[in-house]
N, C-alpha and C. Protein backbone atom coordinates (compact mmCIF):
# COMPACT_ATOMS: atom_id res chain seq x y z
N MET A 1 0.84 -1.21 0.07
CA MET A 1 -0.03 -0.01 0.03
C MET A 1 0.92 1.32 0.02
N SER A 2 0.59 2.20 -0.85
CA SER A 2 1.28 3.49 -0.77
C SER A 2 0.84 4.25 0.29
N ILE A 3 1.92 5.15 0.73
CA ILE A 3 1.69 5.95 1.80
C ILE A 3 0.98 7.32 1.20
N SER A 4 -0.13 7.73 1.93
CA SER A 4 -0.84 8.88 1.48
C SER A 4 -0.97 9.81 2.61
N ASN A 5 -0.27 10.94 2.59
CA ASN A 5 -0.45 11.85 3.70
C ASN A 5 -1.87 12.40 3.91
N ARG A 6 -2.57 12.49 2.70
CA ARG A 6 -3.93 12.87 2.77
C ARG A 6 -4.78 11.90 3.59
N ASP A 7 -4.67 10.60 3.38
CA ASP A 7 -5.36 9.67 4.07
C ASP A 7 -4.97 9.65 5.59
N ILE A 8 -3.67 9.72 5.89
CA ILE A 8 -3.27 9.76 7.23
C ILE A 8 -3.90 10.95 7.97
N LYS A 9 -3.88 12.10 7.43
CA LYS A 9 -4.35 13.24 8.07
C LYS A 9 -5.87 13.28 8.17
N ARG A 10 -6.53 12.69 7.23
CA ARG A 10 -7.93 12.51 7.18
C ARG A 10 -8.52 11.64 8.40
N GLU A 11 -7.75 10.51 8.56
CA GLU A 11 -8.11 9.64 9.64
C GLU A 11 -7.90 10.26 11.01
N LEU A 12 -6.66 10.97 11.17
CA LEU A 12 -6.42 11.46 12.45
C LEU A 12 -7.45 12.67 12.83
N THR A 13 -7.79 13.48 11.68
CA THR A 13 -8.84 14.44 11.97
C THR A 13 -10.10 13.86 12.45
N ASN A 14 -10.53 12.81 11.74
CA ASN A 14 -11.76 12.11 12.26
C ASN A 14 -11.70 11.57 13.63
N ARG A 15 -10.53 10.96 14.01
CA ARG A 15 -10.39 10.45 15.31
C ARG A 15 -10.34 11.55 16.41
N LEU A 16 -9.69 12.60 16.03
CA LEU A 16 -9.60 13.75 17.01
C LEU A 16 -10.92 14.42 17.22
N ARG A 17 -11.72 14.64 16.07
CA ARG A 17 -13.06 15.20 16.31
C ARG A 17 -14.09 14.30 17.06
N ASN A 18 -13.81 12.94 16.88
CA ASN A 18 -14.73 11.93 17.56
C ASN A 18 -14.49 11.89 19.05
N ALA A 19 -13.27 12.37 19.47
CA ALA A 19 -12.88 12.14 20.89
C ALA A 19 -13.41 13.22 21.83
N ASP A 20 -14.10 14.23 21.20
CA ASP A 20 -14.63 15.25 21.96
C ASP A 20 -13.65 16.01 22.92
N LEU A 21 -12.42 16.15 22.39
CA LEU A 21 -11.45 16.95 23.16
C LEU A 21 -11.82 18.33 23.21
N ILE A 22 -12.56 18.85 22.23
CA ILE A 22 -13.35 20.21 22.18
C ILE A 22 -14.70 19.85 22.08
N SER A 23 -15.62 20.30 22.94
CA SER A 23 -17.08 19.94 22.95
C SER A 23 -17.72 20.24 21.67
N ILE A 24 -18.73 19.44 21.43
CA ILE A 24 -19.60 19.63 20.20
C ILE A 24 -20.20 21.01 20.16
N SER A 25 -20.53 21.59 21.32
CA SER A 25 -21.13 22.93 21.36
C SER A 25 -20.14 23.91 20.84
N ASP A 26 -18.77 23.88 21.30
CA ASP A 26 -17.74 24.79 20.91
C ASP A 26 -17.47 24.54 19.42
N ARG A 27 -17.46 23.26 18.99
CA ARG A 27 -17.23 23.07 17.62
C ARG A 27 -18.33 23.48 16.70
N GLY A 28 -19.51 23.65 17.23
CA GLY A 28 -20.81 24.12 16.49
C GLY A 28 -21.30 23.06 15.54
N VAL A 29 -21.19 21.75 16.10
CA VAL A 29 -21.73 20.67 15.19
C VAL A 29 -22.99 20.01 15.75
N THR A 30 -23.61 19.34 15.00
CA THR A 30 -24.76 18.48 15.40
C THR A 30 -24.57 17.08 15.11
N THR A 31 -24.88 16.16 16.09
CA THR A 31 -24.68 14.82 16.00
C THR A 31 -25.88 14.05 15.56
N VAL A 32 -25.95 13.34 14.49
CA VAL A 32 -27.17 12.60 14.17
C VAL A 32 -26.76 11.17 13.83
N THR A 33 -27.86 10.24 13.73
CA THR A 33 -27.66 8.96 13.25
C THR A 33 -28.67 8.63 12.10
N GLU A 34 -28.11 8.27 10.93
CA GLU A 34 -28.89 7.94 9.77
C GLU A 34 -29.02 6.49 9.63
N GLU A 35 -30.25 5.96 9.32
CA GLU A 35 -30.44 4.57 9.05
C GLU A 35 -30.70 4.24 7.54
N PHE A 36 -29.99 3.20 7.14
CA PHE A 36 -30.08 2.79 5.69
C PHE A 36 -30.52 1.32 5.55
N ASN A 37 -31.12 1.01 4.52
CA ASN A 37 -31.42 -0.41 4.19
C ASN A 37 -30.21 -1.09 3.38
N GLY A 38 -29.66 -2.19 3.98
CA GLY A 38 -28.67 -2.95 3.21
C GLY A 38 -29.41 -3.83 2.19
N ASN A 39 -28.78 -4.19 1.12
CA ASN A 39 -29.35 -5.00 0.11
C ASN A 39 -28.41 -6.10 -0.45
N ASN A 40 -27.20 -6.26 0.30
CA ASN A 40 -26.31 -7.20 -0.11
C ASN A 40 -25.54 -6.85 -1.52
N SER A 41 -25.87 -5.68 -1.89
CA SER A 41 -25.25 -5.27 -3.28
C SER A 41 -24.61 -3.88 -3.17
N ASP A 42 -25.30 -2.88 -2.68
CA ASP A 42 -24.81 -1.53 -2.68
C ASP A 42 -23.69 -1.38 -1.59
N VAL A 43 -22.56 -0.69 -1.96
CA VAL A 43 -21.49 -0.37 -1.04
C VAL A 43 -21.35 1.00 -0.72
N GLU A 44 -22.09 1.94 -1.43
CA GLU A 44 -22.05 3.33 -1.34
C GLU A 44 -23.34 3.81 -0.70
N PHE A 45 -23.28 4.68 0.31
CA PHE A 45 -24.41 5.26 1.03
C PHE A 45 -24.08 6.76 1.16
N ILE A 46 -25.07 7.60 0.55
CA ILE A 46 -25.02 9.00 0.60
C ILE A 46 -25.62 9.54 1.86
N LEU A 47 -25.01 10.40 2.52
CA LEU A 47 -25.56 10.93 3.81
C LEU A 47 -26.43 12.16 3.43
N THR A 48 -27.52 12.33 4.13
CA THR A 48 -28.48 13.36 3.82
C THR A 48 -27.97 14.80 4.05
N ASN A 49 -27.23 14.99 5.26
CA ASN A 49 -26.70 16.33 5.57
C ASN A 49 -25.42 16.63 4.82
N THR A 50 -25.34 17.92 4.45
CA THR A 50 -24.04 18.41 3.89
C THR A 50 -23.12 18.87 5.12
N GLY A 51 -21.82 19.16 4.84
CA GLY A 51 -21.05 19.65 5.85
C GLY A 51 -20.65 18.64 6.93
N VAL A 52 -20.47 17.41 6.52
CA VAL A 52 -20.18 16.39 7.47
C VAL A 52 -18.71 16.50 7.92
N LYS A 53 -18.47 16.56 9.17
CA LYS A 53 -17.16 16.84 9.79
C LYS A 53 -16.49 15.57 10.16
N ASN A 54 -17.20 14.58 10.65
CA ASN A 54 -16.59 13.31 10.95
C ASN A 54 -17.61 12.29 11.18
N ILE A 55 -17.16 11.03 10.95
CA ILE A 55 -18.07 9.84 11.22
C ILE A 55 -17.78 9.26 12.47
N ARG A 56 -18.75 9.29 13.30
CA ARG A 56 -18.44 8.75 14.68
C ARG A 56 -18.52 7.20 14.78
N SER A 57 -19.47 6.63 14.30
CA SER A 57 -19.52 5.16 14.18
C SER A 57 -20.45 4.54 13.15
N ILE A 58 -20.20 3.35 12.77
CA ILE A 58 -20.98 2.68 11.82
C ILE A 58 -21.27 1.31 12.33
N THR A 59 -22.51 0.83 12.27
CA THR A 59 -22.80 -0.56 12.51
C THR A 59 -23.63 -1.14 11.52
N VAL A 60 -23.50 -2.38 11.28
CA VAL A 60 -24.40 -3.14 10.30
C VAL A 60 -24.85 -4.36 11.13
N ASP A 61 -26.12 -4.41 11.23
CA ASP A 61 -26.88 -5.52 11.94
C ASP A 61 -26.35 -5.41 13.37
N SER A 62 -26.25 -4.25 13.92
CA SER A 62 -25.81 -3.89 15.28
C SER A 62 -24.30 -4.35 15.54
N VAL A 63 -23.48 -4.66 14.52
CA VAL A 63 -22.08 -5.03 14.66
C VAL A 63 -21.19 -3.80 14.23
N SER A 64 -20.35 -3.44 15.13
CA SER A 64 -19.41 -2.19 14.70
C SER A 64 -18.65 -2.47 13.67
N GLN A 65 -18.49 -1.48 12.80
CA GLN A 65 -17.67 -1.58 11.63
C GLN A 65 -16.36 -0.68 11.75
N ASP A 66 -15.17 -1.16 11.30
CA ASP A 66 -13.94 -0.41 11.61
C ASP A 66 -13.66 0.43 10.46
N TYR A 67 -12.98 1.68 10.79
CA TYR A 67 -12.64 2.60 9.71
C TYR A 67 -11.47 1.97 8.97
N GLY A 68 -11.51 2.21 7.68
CA GLY A 68 -10.38 1.67 6.75
C GLY A 68 -10.55 0.16 6.36
N THR A 69 -10.73 -0.65 7.42
CA THR A 69 -10.91 -2.06 7.07
C THR A 69 -12.33 -2.42 6.42
N ASP A 70 -13.26 -1.70 7.11
CA ASP A 70 -14.79 -2.01 6.53
C ASP A 70 -15.35 -0.87 5.77
N TRP A 71 -14.87 0.35 6.07
CA TRP A 71 -15.50 1.46 5.38
C TRP A 71 -14.53 2.69 5.26
N ASP A 72 -14.90 3.65 4.49
CA ASP A 72 -14.24 4.92 4.37
C ASP A 72 -15.28 5.94 3.91
N PHE A 73 -14.92 7.12 3.93
CA PHE A 73 -15.85 8.17 3.43
C PHE A 73 -15.13 9.39 2.63
N THR A 74 -15.82 9.97 1.75
CA THR A 74 -15.26 10.98 0.94
C THR A 74 -16.33 12.16 0.84
N GLU A 75 -15.83 13.32 0.59
CA GLU A 75 -16.74 14.54 0.44
C GLU A 75 -16.46 15.09 -0.91
N ASN A 76 -17.57 15.36 -1.71
CA ASN A 76 -17.32 16.00 -2.94
C ASN A 76 -17.28 17.48 -2.92
N SER A 77 -17.05 18.34 -4.00
CA SER A 77 -17.07 19.78 -4.01
C SER A 77 -18.25 20.40 -3.59
N SER A 78 -19.44 19.79 -3.59
CA SER A 78 -20.69 20.22 -3.15
C SER A 78 -20.96 19.90 -1.66
N GLY A 79 -20.04 19.27 -0.98
CA GLY A 79 -20.26 19.06 0.46
C GLY A 79 -21.11 17.77 0.73
N ILE A 80 -21.25 16.97 -0.31
CA ILE A 80 -21.95 15.75 -0.16
C ILE A 80 -21.07 14.71 0.28
N THR A 81 -21.38 13.95 1.47
CA THR A 81 -20.46 12.84 1.90
C THR A 81 -21.07 11.52 1.49
N THR A 82 -20.07 10.65 0.98
CA THR A 82 -20.48 9.18 0.73
C THR A 82 -19.72 8.32 1.53
N VAL A 83 -20.37 7.33 2.21
CA VAL A 83 -19.74 6.35 2.88
C VAL A 83 -19.65 5.08 1.99
N THR A 84 -18.41 4.56 1.96
CA THR A 84 -18.17 3.43 0.98
C THR A 84 -17.71 2.27 1.83
N PHE A 85 -18.39 1.14 1.67
CA PHE A 85 -18.09 -0.09 2.53
C PHE A 85 -17.16 -0.94 1.56
N THR A 86 -16.34 -1.74 2.26
CA THR A 86 -15.46 -2.73 1.63
C THR A 86 -16.30 -3.76 0.97
N SER A 87 -17.24 -4.30 1.81
CA SER A 87 -18.20 -5.32 1.43
C SER A 87 -19.55 -4.85 1.52
N ALA A 88 -20.53 -5.16 0.69
CA ALA A 88 -21.91 -4.60 0.67
C ALA A 88 -22.51 -5.05 2.01
N PRO A 89 -23.07 -4.20 2.80
CA PRO A 89 -23.90 -4.61 3.91
C PRO A 89 -25.03 -5.65 3.54
N THR A 90 -25.33 -6.54 4.49
CA THR A 90 -26.32 -7.56 4.32
C THR A 90 -27.68 -6.85 4.09
N THR A 91 -28.68 -7.66 3.52
CA THR A 91 -29.97 -7.20 3.29
C THR A 91 -30.71 -7.03 4.68
N GLY A 92 -31.48 -5.92 4.80
CA GLY A 92 -32.17 -5.64 6.06
C GLY A 92 -32.80 -4.32 5.94
N THR A 93 -33.78 -4.11 6.87
CA THR A 93 -34.52 -2.87 7.08
C THR A 93 -33.89 -1.94 8.09
N ASN A 94 -33.42 -0.83 7.72
CA ASN A 94 -32.82 0.19 8.71
C ASN A 94 -31.59 -0.68 9.52
N ASN A 95 -30.90 -1.51 8.82
CA ASN A 95 -29.85 -2.32 9.38
C ASN A 95 -28.38 -1.71 9.39
N VAL A 96 -28.28 -0.51 8.66
CA VAL A 96 -27.09 0.11 8.61
C VAL A 96 -27.24 1.45 9.36
N ASP A 97 -26.51 1.66 10.38
CA ASP A 97 -26.54 2.88 11.12
C ASP A 97 -25.22 3.67 11.07
N ILE A 98 -25.25 5.02 10.62
CA ILE A 98 -24.13 5.82 10.51
C ILE A 98 -24.40 7.01 11.37
N GLN A 99 -23.47 7.20 12.44
CA GLN A 99 -23.57 8.38 13.23
C GLN A 99 -22.42 9.33 12.89
N TYR A 100 -22.85 10.62 12.72
CA TYR A 100 -21.84 11.53 12.34
C TYR A 100 -22.16 12.87 12.87
N ASP A 101 -21.12 13.82 12.74
CA ASP A 101 -21.26 15.30 13.08
C ASP A 101 -21.22 16.07 11.82
N TYR A 102 -22.18 17.01 11.74
CA TYR A 102 -22.23 17.94 10.60
C TYR A 102 -22.47 19.41 11.04
N SER A 103 -22.10 20.30 10.19
CA SER A 103 -22.30 21.79 10.49
C SER A 103 -22.26 22.58 9.21
N SER A 104 -22.96 23.58 9.10
CA SER A 104 -22.93 24.50 7.95
C SER A 104 -21.73 25.45 8.00
N SER A 105 -21.00 25.55 9.20
CA SER A 105 -19.85 26.38 9.35
C SER A 105 -18.63 25.46 9.57
N GLY A 106 -17.53 26.09 10.03
CA GLY A 106 -16.34 25.42 10.19
C GLY A 106 -16.30 24.47 11.38
N ASP A 107 -15.04 24.22 11.82
CA ASP A 107 -14.91 23.20 12.92
C ASP A 107 -13.68 23.88 13.81
N ARG A 108 -13.28 23.33 14.77
CA ARG A 108 -12.11 23.76 15.51
C ARG A 108 -10.94 22.87 15.61
N ILE A 109 -11.08 21.74 14.88
CA ILE A 109 -10.02 20.70 14.69
C ILE A 109 -9.67 20.49 13.30
N TYR A 110 -8.41 20.76 12.89
CA TYR A 110 -8.05 20.81 11.54
C TYR A 110 -6.59 20.18 11.28
N PRO A 111 -6.41 19.52 10.22
CA PRO A 111 -5.11 19.00 9.86
C PRO A 111 -4.23 20.19 9.26
N ASP A 112 -4.13 21.35 9.95
CA ASP A 112 -3.25 22.43 9.59
C ASP A 112 -3.06 23.20 10.86
N TYR A 113 -2.37 24.38 10.73
CA TYR A 113 -2.21 25.26 11.94
C TYR A 113 -2.97 26.57 11.75
N ALA A 114 -3.44 27.11 12.95
CA ALA A 114 -4.27 28.32 12.96
C ALA A 114 -3.48 29.49 12.38
N LYS A 115 -4.32 30.34 11.84
CA LYS A 115 -3.74 31.55 11.22
C LYS A 115 -3.86 32.63 12.30
N ALA A 116 -2.92 33.52 12.33
CA ALA A 116 -2.85 34.59 13.34
C ALA A 116 -3.96 35.51 13.17
N THR A 117 -4.75 35.53 12.14
CA THR A 117 -5.90 36.47 11.99
C THR A 117 -7.16 35.90 12.57
N ILE A 118 -7.17 34.66 13.11
CA ILE A 118 -8.32 34.14 13.63
C ILE A 118 -8.77 34.82 14.87
N SER A 119 -10.10 35.00 15.02
CA SER A 119 -10.50 35.87 16.15
C SER A 119 -10.57 34.91 17.43
N ILE A 120 -10.56 35.64 18.64
CA ILE A 120 -10.45 34.96 19.81
C ILE A 120 -11.58 34.05 20.09
N ASN A 121 -12.73 34.28 19.51
CA ASN A 121 -13.95 33.56 19.78
C ASN A 121 -13.96 32.14 19.02
N LYS A 122 -12.88 31.90 18.30
CA LYS A 122 -12.67 30.62 17.61
C LYS A 122 -11.73 29.71 18.26
N PHE A 123 -11.47 30.05 19.48
CA PHE A 123 -10.66 29.18 20.40
C PHE A 123 -11.51 28.59 21.53
N PRO A 124 -11.16 27.50 22.12
CA PRO A 124 -9.93 26.63 21.84
C PRO A 124 -9.99 26.00 20.57
N ARG A 125 -8.68 25.40 20.15
CA ARG A 125 -8.62 24.86 18.77
C ARG A 125 -7.49 23.84 18.82
N ILE A 126 -7.56 22.95 17.85
CA ILE A 126 -6.51 21.88 17.69
C ILE A 126 -6.04 21.90 16.17
N GLY A 127 -4.85 21.97 16.01
CA GLY A 127 -4.23 21.80 14.62
C GLY A 127 -3.07 20.82 14.62
N PHE A 128 -2.90 20.21 13.52
CA PHE A 128 -1.68 19.24 13.42
C PHE A 128 -1.32 19.23 11.92
N ASP A 129 -0.02 18.70 11.83
CA ASP A 129 0.52 18.55 10.39
C ASP A 129 1.65 17.62 10.51
N ILE A 130 2.12 16.94 9.42
CA ILE A 130 3.22 16.18 9.29
C ILE A 130 4.35 17.14 9.06
N ILE A 131 5.36 17.11 10.01
CA ILE A 131 6.49 18.21 9.91
C ILE A 131 7.71 17.61 9.46
N SER A 132 7.88 16.27 9.45
CA SER A 132 9.03 15.82 8.76
C SER A 132 8.82 14.33 8.40
N SER A 133 9.49 13.73 7.33
CA SER A 133 9.35 12.40 6.90
C SER A 133 10.60 12.11 6.26
N THR A 134 11.17 10.82 6.68
CA THR A 134 12.36 10.27 5.98
C THR A 134 12.11 8.90 5.53
N THR A 135 12.52 8.58 4.28
CA THR A 135 12.31 7.23 3.60
C THR A 135 13.71 6.58 3.34
N THR A 136 13.72 5.36 3.57
CA THR A 136 14.94 4.58 3.27
C THR A 136 14.64 3.34 2.54
N ASP A 137 15.47 3.06 1.49
CA ASP A 137 15.31 1.84 0.74
C ASP A 137 15.75 0.70 1.71
N LEU A 138 14.97 -0.39 1.66
CA LEU A 138 15.25 -1.57 2.42
C LEU A 138 15.92 -2.72 1.53
N VAL A 139 15.81 -2.51 0.26
CA VAL A 139 16.40 -3.55 -0.66
C VAL A 139 17.16 -2.74 -1.72
N LEU A 140 18.13 -3.30 -2.36
CA LEU A 140 18.98 -2.77 -3.39
C LEU A 140 18.23 -2.26 -4.53
N SER A 141 17.10 -2.93 -4.86
CA SER A 141 16.36 -2.51 -6.00
C SER A 141 15.59 -1.26 -5.75
N GLY A 142 15.38 -0.89 -4.53
CA GLY A 142 14.68 0.34 -4.20
C GLY A 142 13.12 0.17 -4.26
N LYS A 143 12.75 -1.11 -4.35
CA LYS A 143 11.25 -1.41 -4.52
C LYS A 143 10.52 -1.63 -3.18
N LEU A 144 11.31 -1.66 -2.00
CA LEU A 144 10.69 -1.78 -0.71
C LEU A 144 11.32 -0.70 0.13
N GLU A 145 10.42 0.17 0.63
CA GLU A 145 10.89 1.37 1.27
C GLU A 145 10.24 1.45 2.67
N GLN A 146 10.99 2.07 3.70
CA GLN A 146 10.49 2.33 4.95
C GLN A 146 10.48 3.78 5.17
N THR A 147 9.33 4.41 5.73
CA THR A 147 9.16 5.82 6.05
C THR A 147 8.94 6.05 7.48
N ASN A 148 9.53 6.92 8.08
CA ASN A 148 9.36 7.35 9.38
C ASN A 148 8.83 8.88 9.42
N MET A 149 7.79 9.21 10.02
CA MET A 149 7.37 10.66 10.00
C MET A 149 7.11 11.14 11.37
N VAL A 150 7.17 12.35 11.52
CA VAL A 150 6.86 13.08 12.78
C VAL A 150 5.63 14.03 12.54
N ILE A 151 4.70 13.94 13.47
CA ILE A 151 3.51 14.67 13.33
C ILE A 151 3.35 15.54 14.57
N SER A 152 3.21 16.79 14.43
CA SER A 152 3.09 17.79 15.45
C SER A 152 1.76 18.32 15.66
N PHE A 153 1.24 18.07 16.94
CA PHE A 153 -0.04 18.51 17.25
C PHE A 153 -0.08 19.69 18.16
N VAL A 154 -0.96 20.62 17.84
CA VAL A 154 -0.80 21.96 18.60
C VAL A 154 -2.13 22.31 19.30
N ALA A 155 -2.13 22.53 20.67
CA ALA A 155 -3.18 22.98 21.35
C ALA A 155 -3.18 24.53 21.41
N TYR A 156 -4.32 25.09 21.11
CA TYR A 156 -4.56 26.45 21.16
C TYR A 156 -5.63 26.75 22.24
N GLY A 157 -5.36 27.57 23.26
CA GLY A 157 -6.42 27.90 24.19
C GLY A 157 -6.39 29.37 24.63
N VAL A 158 -7.47 29.79 25.34
CA VAL A 158 -7.55 31.06 25.80
C VAL A 158 -6.93 31.10 27.21
N GLY A 159 -5.84 31.64 27.37
CA GLY A 159 -5.10 31.46 28.75
C GLY A 159 -4.17 30.19 28.66
N THR A 160 -3.24 30.18 29.70
CA THR A 160 -2.30 29.14 29.75
C THR A 160 -3.02 27.87 30.27
N LYS A 161 -3.99 28.12 31.21
CA LYS A 161 -4.63 26.84 31.83
C LYS A 161 -5.36 26.08 30.89
N GLU A 162 -6.23 26.82 30.07
CA GLU A 162 -7.02 26.07 29.01
C GLU A 162 -5.98 25.38 28.00
N THR A 163 -5.07 26.09 27.65
CA THR A 163 -4.11 25.53 26.69
C THR A 163 -3.33 24.17 27.24
N GLU A 164 -2.95 24.29 28.48
CA GLU A 164 -2.27 23.16 29.14
C GLU A 164 -3.20 21.96 29.32
N GLU A 165 -4.48 22.33 29.73
CA GLU A 165 -5.43 21.12 29.78
C GLU A 165 -5.55 20.45 28.44
N LEU A 166 -5.83 21.33 27.45
CA LEU A 166 -6.12 20.72 26.06
C LEU A 166 -4.76 19.97 25.56
N TYR A 167 -3.75 20.50 25.66
CA TYR A 167 -2.50 19.73 25.38
C TYR A 167 -2.43 18.46 26.16
N ASP A 168 -2.67 18.32 27.39
CA ASP A 168 -2.74 17.10 28.13
C ASP A 168 -3.82 16.21 27.43
N SER A 169 -5.03 16.69 27.20
CA SER A 169 -6.05 15.83 26.60
C SER A 169 -5.67 15.22 25.24
N ILE A 170 -4.97 16.06 24.42
CA ILE A 170 -4.55 15.52 23.19
C ILE A 170 -3.49 14.50 23.35
N ARG A 171 -2.47 14.69 24.23
CA ARG A 171 -1.40 13.73 24.41
C ARG A 171 -1.92 12.43 24.93
N SER A 172 -2.85 12.46 25.89
CA SER A 172 -3.46 11.24 26.49
C SER A 172 -4.25 10.46 25.53
N PHE A 173 -5.07 11.23 24.72
CA PHE A 173 -5.84 10.52 23.67
C PHE A 173 -5.01 9.78 22.62
N LEU A 174 -4.00 10.46 22.13
CA LEU A 174 -3.12 9.92 21.13
C LEU A 174 -2.40 8.68 21.71
N LEU A 175 -2.00 8.72 22.91
CA LEU A 175 -1.41 7.48 23.58
C LEU A 175 -2.39 6.28 23.70
N SER A 176 -3.72 6.71 23.91
CA SER A 176 -4.71 5.78 23.93
C SER A 176 -5.01 4.91 22.64
N ILE A 177 -4.75 5.69 21.43
CA ILE A 177 -4.97 5.01 20.25
C ILE A 177 -3.71 4.85 19.41
N ASP A 178 -2.56 4.68 20.14
CA ASP A 178 -1.27 4.53 19.52
C ASP A 178 -1.16 3.39 18.60
N GLN A 179 -1.85 2.35 18.89
CA GLN A 179 -1.83 1.12 17.96
C GLN A 179 -3.11 0.74 17.40
N ASP A 180 -4.05 1.82 17.37
CA ASP A 180 -5.45 1.56 16.90
C ASP A 180 -5.79 2.45 15.64
N LEU A 181 -4.90 2.59 14.77
CA LEU A 181 -5.02 3.40 13.56
C LEU A 181 -4.92 2.53 12.33
N PHE A 182 -5.49 2.90 11.29
CA PHE A 182 -5.56 2.08 10.03
C PHE A 182 -4.29 2.41 9.20
N TYR A 183 -4.01 3.71 9.06
CA TYR A 183 -3.01 4.10 8.07
C TYR A 183 -1.56 4.18 8.77
N LEU A 184 -1.50 4.24 10.13
CA LEU A 184 -0.30 4.23 10.80
C LEU A 184 -0.12 3.09 11.68
N ASN A 185 1.11 2.47 11.76
CA ASN A 185 1.31 1.28 12.50
C ASN A 185 1.18 1.58 14.01
N TYR A 186 1.84 2.69 14.43
CA TYR A 186 1.66 3.25 15.82
C TYR A 186 2.32 4.58 15.92
N LEU A 187 1.99 5.20 17.02
CA LEU A 187 2.46 6.53 17.33
C LEU A 187 3.16 6.45 18.73
N THR A 188 4.21 7.26 18.80
CA THR A 188 4.98 7.35 20.02
C THR A 188 5.42 8.78 20.25
N PRO A 189 5.27 9.32 21.52
CA PRO A 189 5.60 10.66 21.67
C PRO A 189 7.15 10.95 21.61
N THR A 190 7.49 12.03 20.96
CA THR A 190 8.91 12.27 20.83
C THR A 190 9.40 13.56 21.31
N GLY A 191 8.52 14.49 21.74
CA GLY A 191 8.84 15.77 22.26
C GLY A 191 7.75 16.76 22.36
N GLU A 192 8.03 17.84 22.99
CA GLU A 192 7.05 18.84 23.15
C GLU A 192 7.62 20.19 22.95
N GLY A 193 6.76 21.22 22.77
CA GLY A 193 7.28 22.53 22.65
C GLY A 193 6.94 23.33 23.84
N PRO A 194 7.34 24.63 23.93
CA PRO A 194 7.14 25.47 25.07
C PRO A 194 5.70 26.19 24.97
N MET A 195 5.22 26.78 26.05
CA MET A 195 3.95 27.54 26.04
C MET A 195 4.31 28.89 25.28
N LEU A 196 3.53 29.14 24.28
CA LEU A 196 3.95 30.45 23.49
C LEU A 196 2.69 31.26 23.35
N SER A 197 2.83 32.51 23.41
CA SER A 197 1.72 33.48 22.98
C SER A 197 1.36 33.19 21.52
N PHE A 198 0.14 33.25 21.15
CA PHE A 198 -0.29 33.05 19.76
C PHE A 198 -0.63 34.34 19.04
N GLY A 199 -0.19 34.56 17.96
CA GLY A 199 -0.62 35.54 17.03
C GLY A 199 -0.86 36.99 17.64
N GLY A 200 -1.84 37.60 17.11
CA GLY A 200 -2.19 39.01 17.47
C GLY A 200 -3.19 39.19 18.51
N THR A 201 -3.29 38.22 19.50
CA THR A 201 -4.41 38.20 20.58
C THR A 201 -4.01 38.82 21.79
N ASN A 202 -2.96 39.70 21.78
CA ASN A 202 -2.55 40.40 23.06
C ASN A 202 -2.34 39.47 24.27
N ASP A 203 -1.68 38.45 23.96
CA ASP A 203 -1.38 37.48 25.17
C ASP A 203 -2.54 36.89 25.76
N LYS A 204 -3.67 36.76 24.94
CA LYS A 204 -4.83 36.06 25.45
C LYS A 204 -4.96 34.61 25.09
N VAL A 205 -4.47 34.22 23.86
CA VAL A 205 -4.44 32.98 23.21
C VAL A 205 -3.08 32.41 23.35
N PHE A 206 -2.83 31.09 23.78
CA PHE A 206 -1.56 30.52 23.89
C PHE A 206 -1.56 29.21 22.99
N GLN A 207 -0.38 28.78 22.75
CA GLN A 207 -0.30 27.45 22.04
C GLN A 207 0.87 26.54 22.53
N LYS A 208 0.75 25.34 22.50
CA LYS A 208 1.68 24.39 22.92
C LYS A 208 1.55 23.12 22.15
N ASN A 209 2.67 22.55 21.64
CA ASN A 209 2.70 21.42 20.82
C ASN A 209 3.27 20.30 21.35
N VAL A 210 2.73 19.02 20.90
CA VAL A 210 3.40 17.73 21.41
C VAL A 210 3.67 17.02 20.01
N ASP A 211 4.77 16.42 19.83
CA ASP A 211 5.19 15.74 18.62
C ASP A 211 5.20 14.28 18.87
N PHE A 212 4.63 13.61 17.84
CA PHE A 212 4.50 12.13 17.90
C PHE A 212 5.29 11.62 16.61
N ARG A 213 5.97 10.49 16.84
CA ARG A 213 6.72 9.83 15.74
C ARG A 213 5.77 8.76 15.25
N ALA A 214 5.69 8.57 13.98
CA ALA A 214 4.97 7.42 13.38
C ALA A 214 5.98 6.71 12.45
N PRO A 215 6.58 5.71 13.00
CA PRO A 215 7.62 4.98 12.33
C PRO A 215 7.04 3.65 11.57
N LEU A 216 8.06 3.03 10.78
CA LEU A 216 7.81 1.70 10.18
C LEU A 216 6.51 1.75 9.27
N LEU A 217 6.56 2.84 8.37
CA LEU A 217 5.57 2.73 7.28
C LEU A 217 6.26 2.14 6.10
N PHE A 218 5.61 1.08 5.52
CA PHE A 218 6.35 0.42 4.40
C PHE A 218 5.60 0.54 3.14
N GLU A 219 6.30 0.59 1.99
CA GLU A 219 5.77 0.83 0.66
C GLU A 219 6.46 -0.24 -0.18
N GLN A 220 5.66 -1.11 -0.95
CA GLN A 220 6.13 -2.07 -1.82
C GLN A 220 5.93 -1.44 -3.26
N ARG A 221 6.92 -1.17 -4.00
CA ARG A 221 6.76 -0.76 -5.41
C ARG A 221 6.95 -1.88 -6.38
N SER A 222 6.18 -1.78 -7.54
CA SER A 222 6.33 -2.65 -8.53
C SER A 222 7.63 -2.47 -9.39
C-alpha cells in the first residue's frame, strides 16, 4: 500500500473530532444517526446532511464496523459525503446505522495550523500536520521502502490553563490510540514545545505542541 499523507491526516482528523477533546457545542456541530437499508449489493451510501465533519460510528446489523478495514468516506465539492463499504452490507431494513457530526460552518479541529488572523472566539482549537518524513530503501532494487514521519499536534487555548489542559488531553488521547489506527502502525511521543503566545491576541491565546513519531511505514513498489 502506498503512503498517502492525505489519508493519514483525514483519519487523524476524524479520530480527534470523535474524541470530544473540544465539545460539540464549541465546535458548533450537530450529531445525528442515519439509518439505511442494506441489500447485499450496494456499497455506497450518501448521507443526507452536507458539511459532514466526522463519522463517529457505523454498525451493520448492530455489529460495529472499523474505519479503513470495513468503510471509508469522501466528500465532493458540493459538500455531499459518501460512505463506501469494503463489502456490501447484508439485506435488512434500517440495519445500517451511521452516526456523524455535521455543520454548515467550520470546525475547531483541523489538519493544519491556525492563522494569526483568527478571532479569539474561535478558540480553543487543535491543529496538526506532518512536519518531517524520512524514507529509506530496504532492498537494493529500491522497491521496498520504509518511511518514518513526525506529526506535530498543537493545542490553542484562551489562557495558559486552558491550553495546558487541552495539550494534556491531546497527548493522553493519542497515547490511547497509539496502535489503533488504520494508516499508521503506531504513534509514540517524541517531544513537546514551550507555551507560547499566539498571534495578535494580546497574550490572550496561547499554544503548545506535542510531537509524535509514526515509524515503520512500508511501501512496496512494482
